[in-house]
Amino acid sequence: MPTLTGKAIIITGAAQGIGAVLAAALATEGALVAVSDVRDCSEVVDRITLAGGQAIGIGADVSDDAACSALAKKTFDAYGSVDGLVTNAAIFSSLERKSFDRITVPEWDQVMAVNVRGVFNCVQAVVPYMKERGYGKIVNVCSTTVFAGAAGLLHYVTSKGAVLAFTRALAREVGEFGIRVNAFAPGLTMSEGVRANEARVAPQAKAAPQLRALKREQIPEDLVGTLLFLVSPESDFMTGQTLVVDGGHIMR
């Protein structure tokens, strides 16, 4: 029996890459998935429905609070509840790796608008629906760069550090309403976006496997089990935590 049967779950940044893989996994487990992105989500939705799952596509720019409110309402109107949120949308693979003193203010602000404010906007939009039910699962996507540091990506690393802190603080605020807030931190994951920009944003990709206890590339499918655990009832007595999923590079 799928563990997420009938649970309406929003996943942002899901038109491709990690988000698309995770959206399909949620549907396989019986979730009613709202696939969201600034890009066209129809290919992912079609793939899910052809496989027998349930999904709708909702375009949304997470840096826009009105768009996030509309995303939550459309999900509720379609499925009758909003039980989960996975904040996967982020700017990473398109970034140019550069020293901190070469990062411009507009570049900094764009990363923060999507990677930090986007999480805030989505959470503000869904929590009222979760409060009404007295239950909800919020899963934020962090990064192991927060624990290891990463030269040339100060804006990105800082944004993911904010997501970790956000997860802990929010868990304190919404626990009394039955809402659990956790995060997971992937290592360098070879999604299609990363592969397409490997020479620029991830020049260390070839060396990464040798830094891990499990000496291979990390792929989006490696994150599926952790996500399913965090959105399922199996993690109901867990909140405010960040799980590292990187094949044994960061150990803490």
Foldseek 3Di string as FASTA:
>chain_A
DQQAALAEEEEEPQQFFLNLVQQLLCQVSHYQYEYEYQDDNVVSQVVNVVVPGHYDYQYAQLLDLVRLLVSQVVSCVVRVAHAEYELPDFDALPDFQDAPVPQDPVNLVVRLSRLPSSLVSNCVNHVVRLLVVLAHFYEYEAACCLVVPDHRPVSNNVSSVNVLVVQQVVQVVCVRSHYAGEYEHEYDAPIVSCVVRVVGRPVCQVVLLVLAPRRDHHHSVQCNVVVSCRSGCVCSVDHSYYHYRYRHNDDD
